[in-house]
Amino acid sequence: MCCIIETKDSADWVGFVNLFNATQKNRDATVSIALRPDEALRWLVDYSFRELGLHRLTLEVFCNNKAAVKLYKKAGFIEEGVLRKASWSDGKWQDVFSMAILDEDWAALKQDTQ
């Protein structure tokens, strides 16, 4: 599933969000986002749990991408492990964080912000 995100007022393009590799048995899907990811990610997580009935969202991110890791943590994603030297990038091996958020994590986070 891929969605284009626009602002309500002016229909300015904010970015896109995508769910892929969904597994029906485990009710799990992988997340990808582009541009203004803070707004797009919050929308996608909420939509995934509230509208799609997913139980879990999973993502992977380069460990040295501190801005992305900070964004994902702020949205409620939790580091679950490190894939050591899992990706060749910029002429060297990069470690990759595996992160996830559960529907109950999101519900608790929303409750705390209300």
C-alpha atoms as a PDB file:
ATOM      1  CA  MET A   1       0.000   0.000   0.000  1.00  0.00           C
ATOM      2  CA  CYS A   2       1.406   3.407  -0.940  1.00  0.00           C
ATOM      3  CA  CYS A   3      -0.175   6.745  -0.027  1.00  0.00           C
ATOM      4  CA  ILE A   4       0.640  10.287  -1.065  1.00  0.00           C
ATOM      5  CA  ILE A   5       0.312  12.761   1.811  1.00  0.00           C
ATOM      6  CA  GLU A   6      -0.840  16.358   1.257  1.00  0.00           C
ATOM      7  CA  THR A   7      -1.727  19.178   3.647  1.00  0.00           C
ATOM      8  CA  LYS A   8      -5.456  19.676   4.199  1.00  0.00           C
ATOM      9  CA  ASP A   9      -5.395  23.445   3.681  1.00  0.00           C
ATOM     10  CA  SER A  10      -3.346  23.919   0.536  1.00  0.00           C
ATOM     11  CA  ALA A  11      -2.898  20.355  -0.771  1.00  0.00           C
ATOM     12  CA  ASP A  12       0.884  20.857  -0.596  1.00  0.00           C
ATOM     13  CA  TRP A  13       2.770  17.604  -1.015  1.00  0.00           C
ATOM     14  CA  VAL A  14       4.208  16.397   2.294  1.00  0.00           C
ATOM     15  CA  GLY A  15       5.606  13.057   1.183  1.00  0.00           C
ATOM     16  CA  PHE A  16       4.615   9.460   0.816  1.00  0.00           C
ATOM     17  CA  VAL A  17       4.306   6.433   3.021  1.00  0.00           C
ATOM     18  CA  ASN A  18       4.396   2.817   2.025  1.00  0.00           C
ATOM     19  CA  LEU A  19       3.605  -0.521   3.658  1.00  0.00           C
ATOM     20  CA  PHE A  20       5.070  -3.658   2.100  1.00  0.00           C
ATOM     21  CA  ASN A  21       6.033  -7.244   2.919  1.00  0.00           C
ATOM     22  CA  ALA A  22       2.790  -7.578   4.873  1.00  0.00           C
ATOM     23  CA  THR A  23       2.165 -10.944   6.463  1.00  0.00           C
ATOM     24  CA  GLN A  24      -1.444 -11.813   7.169  1.00  0.00           C
ATOM     25  CA  LYS A  25      -0.710 -14.475   9.786  1.00  0.00           C
ATOM     26  CA  ASN A  26       1.418 -12.202  11.989  1.00  0.00           C
ATOM     27  CA  ARG A  27      -0.410  -8.968  11.043  1.00  0.00           C
ATOM     28  CA  ASP A  28       2.991  -7.337  10.439  1.00  0.00           C
ATOM     29  CA  ALA A  29       4.194  -4.982   7.696  1.00  0.00           C
ATOM     30  CA  THR A  30       7.358  -3.052   6.822  1.00  0.00           C
ATOM     31  CA  VAL A  31       7.353   0.767   6.635  1.00  0.00           C
ATOM     32  CA  SER A  32       9.027   3.134   4.155  1.00  0.00           C
ATOM     33  CA  ILE A  33       8.651   6.925   4.076  1.00  0.00           C
ATOM     34  CA  ALA A  34       9.989   9.891   2.108  1.00  0.00           C
ATOM     35  CA  LEU A  35      10.176  13.646   2.732  1.00  0.00           C
ATOM     36  CA  ARG A  36       8.719  15.361   5.796  1.00  0.00           C
ATOM     37  CA  PRO A  37       8.821  11.988   7.512  1.00  0.00           C
ATOM     38  CA  ASP A  38       7.730  13.195  10.957  1.00  0.00           C
ATOM     39  CA  GLU A  39       4.195  13.981   9.797  1.00  0.00           C
ATOM     40  CA  ALA A  40       3.999  11.126   7.319  1.00  0.00           C
ATOM     41  CA  LEU A  41       5.222   8.565   9.838  1.00  0.00           C
ATOM     42  CA  ARG A  42       2.735   9.565  12.551  1.00  0.00           C
ATOM     43  CA  TRP A  43      -0.084   9.344  10.018  1.00  0.00           C
ATOM     44  CA  LEU A  44       1.059   5.964   8.703  1.00  0.00           C
ATOM     45  CA  VAL A  45       1.452   4.400  12.153  1.00  0.00           C
ATOM     46  CA  ASP A  46      -1.957   5.641  13.251  1.00  0.00           C
ATOM     47  CA  TYR A  47      -3.620   4.508  10.009  1.00  0.00           C
ATOM     48  CA  SER A  48      -1.932   1.094  10.162  1.00  0.00           C
ATOM     49  CA  PHE A  49      -3.213   0.328  13.641  1.00  0.00           C
ATOM     50  CA  ARG A  50      -6.556   2.128  13.587  1.00  0.00           C
ATOM     51  CA  GLU A  51      -7.760   1.420  10.047  1.00  0.00           C
ATOM     52  CA  LEU A  52      -5.832  -1.655   8.898  1.00  0.00           C
ATOM     53  CA  GLY A  53      -5.912  -3.499  12.210  1.00  0.00           C
ATOM     54  CA  LEU A  54      -2.207  -4.309  12.133  1.00  0.00           C
ATOM     55  CA  HIS A  55      -0.551  -5.475  15.329  1.00  0.00           C
ATOM     56  CA  ARG A  56       3.050  -4.546  14.502  1.00  0.00           C
ATOM     57  CA  LEU A  57       5.134  -2.361  12.170  1.00  0.00           C
ATOM     58  CA  THR A  58       8.772  -3.163  11.467  1.00  0.00           C
ATOM     59  CA  LEU A  59      11.577  -1.129   9.886  1.00  0.00           C
ATOM     60  CA  GLU A  60      15.321  -1.173   9.390  1.00  0.00           C
ATOM     61  CA  VAL A  61      17.610   1.854   9.448  1.00  0.00           C
ATOM     62  CA  PHE A  62      21.360   2.433   9.194  1.00  0.00           C
ATOM     63  CA  CYS A  63      22.711   2.809  12.734  1.00  0.00           C
ATOM     64  CA  ASN A  64      24.669   5.919  11.724  1.00  0.00           C
ATOM     65  CA  ASN A  65      21.506   7.669  10.439  1.00  0.00           C
ATOM     66  CA  LYS A  66      20.971   9.428  13.769  1.00  0.00           C
ATOM     67  CA  ALA A  67      18.213  11.741  12.493  1.00  0.00           C
ATOM     68  CA  ALA A  68      16.123   8.812  11.267  1.00  0.00           C
ATOM     69  CA  VAL A  69      16.715   6.794  14.443  1.00  0.00           C
ATOM     70  CA  LYS A  70      15.637   9.812  16.515  1.00  0.00           C
ATOM     71  CA  LEU A  71      12.509  10.250  14.367  1.00  0.00           C
ATOM     72  CA  TYR A  72      11.531   6.596  14.680  1.00  0.00           C
ATOM     73  CA  LYS A  73      12.064   6.601  18.448  1.00  0.00           C
ATOM     74  CA  LYS A  74       9.976   9.765  18.771  1.00  0.00           C
ATOM     75  CA  ALA A  75       7.177   7.993  16.869  1.00  0.00           C
ATOM     76  CA  GLY A  76       7.362   5.109  19.349  1.00  0.00           C
ATOM     77  CA  PHE A  77       9.528   2.597  17.498  1.00  0.00           C
ATOM     78  CA  ILE A  78      11.819   0.541  19.729  1.00  0.00           C
ATOM     79  CA  GLU A  79      15.212  -0.918  18.795  1.00  0.00           C
ATOM     80  CA  GLU A  80      14.943  -4.686  18.729  1.00  0.00           C
ATOM     81  CA  GLY A  81      18.378  -5.602  17.481  1.00  0.00           C
ATOM     82  CA  VAL A  82      21.388  -4.772  15.379  1.00  0.00           C
ATOM     83  CA  LEU A  83      22.178  -6.446  12.103  1.00  0.00           C
ATOM     84  CA  ARG A  84      25.958  -6.183  12.229  1.00  0.00           C
ATOM     85  CA  LYS A  85      27.656  -5.121   8.983  1.00  0.00           C
ATOM     86  CA  ALA A  86      24.450  -5.934   7.120  1.00  0.00           C
ATOM     87  CA  SER A  87      24.651  -3.411   4.293  1.00  0.00           C
ATOM     88  CA  TRP A  88      27.457  -2.210   2.029  1.00  0.00           C
ATOM     89  CA  SER A  89      27.191   1.584   1.694  1.00  0.00           C
ATOM     90  CA  ASP A  90      29.661   4.396   1.022  1.00  0.00           C
ATOM     91  CA  GLY A  91      32.489   1.904   0.572  1.00  0.00           C
ATOM     92  CA  LYS A  92      32.105   0.164   3.911  1.00  0.00           C
ATOM     93  CA  TRP A  93      29.871  -2.185   5.838  1.00  0.00           C
ATOM     94  CA  GLN A  94      27.116  -0.515   7.830  1.00  0.00           C
ATOM     95  CA  ASP A  95      25.296  -1.841  10.880  1.00  0.00           C
ATOM     96  CA  VAL A  96      21.507  -1.729  10.653  1.00  0.00           C
ATOM     97  CA  PHE A  97      19.010  -1.313  13.494  1.00  0.00           C
ATOM     98  CA  SER A  98      15.877  -3.420  13.421  1.00  0.00           C
ATOM     99  CA  MET A  99      13.046  -1.421  15.029  1.00  0.00           C
ATOM    100  CA  ALA A 100       9.348  -2.022  15.598  1.00  0.00           C
ATOM    101  CA  ILE A 101       6.238  -0.559  17.174  1.00  0.00           C
ATOM    102  CA  LEU A 102       3.247  -2.535  18.437  1.00  0.00           C
ATOM    103  CA  ASP A 103      -0.362  -1.415  18.432  1.00  0.00           C
ATOM    104  CA  GLU A 104      -0.296  -1.241  22.253  1.00  0.00           C
ATOM    105  CA  ASP A 105       2.870   0.938  22.160  1.00  0.00           C
ATOM    106  CA  TRP A 106       1.074   3.375  19.845  1.00  0.00           C
ATOM    107  CA  ALA A 107      -2.075   3.407  22.000  1.00  0.00           C
ATOM    108  CA  ALA A 108       0.011   4.178  25.103  1.00  0.00           C
ATOM    109  CA  LEU A 109       1.946   6.910  23.286  1.00  0.00           C
ATOM    110  CA  LYS A 110      -1.290   8.537  22.075  1.00  0.00           C
ATOM    111  CA  GLN A 111      -2.748   8.311  25.588  1.00  0.00           C
ATOM    112  CA  ASP A 112       0.337  10.033  27.057  1.00  0.00           C
ATOM    113  CA  THR A 113       0.070  12.951  24.597  1.00  0.00           C
ATOM    114  CA  GLN A 114      -3.623  13.648  25.258  1.00  0.00           C
END
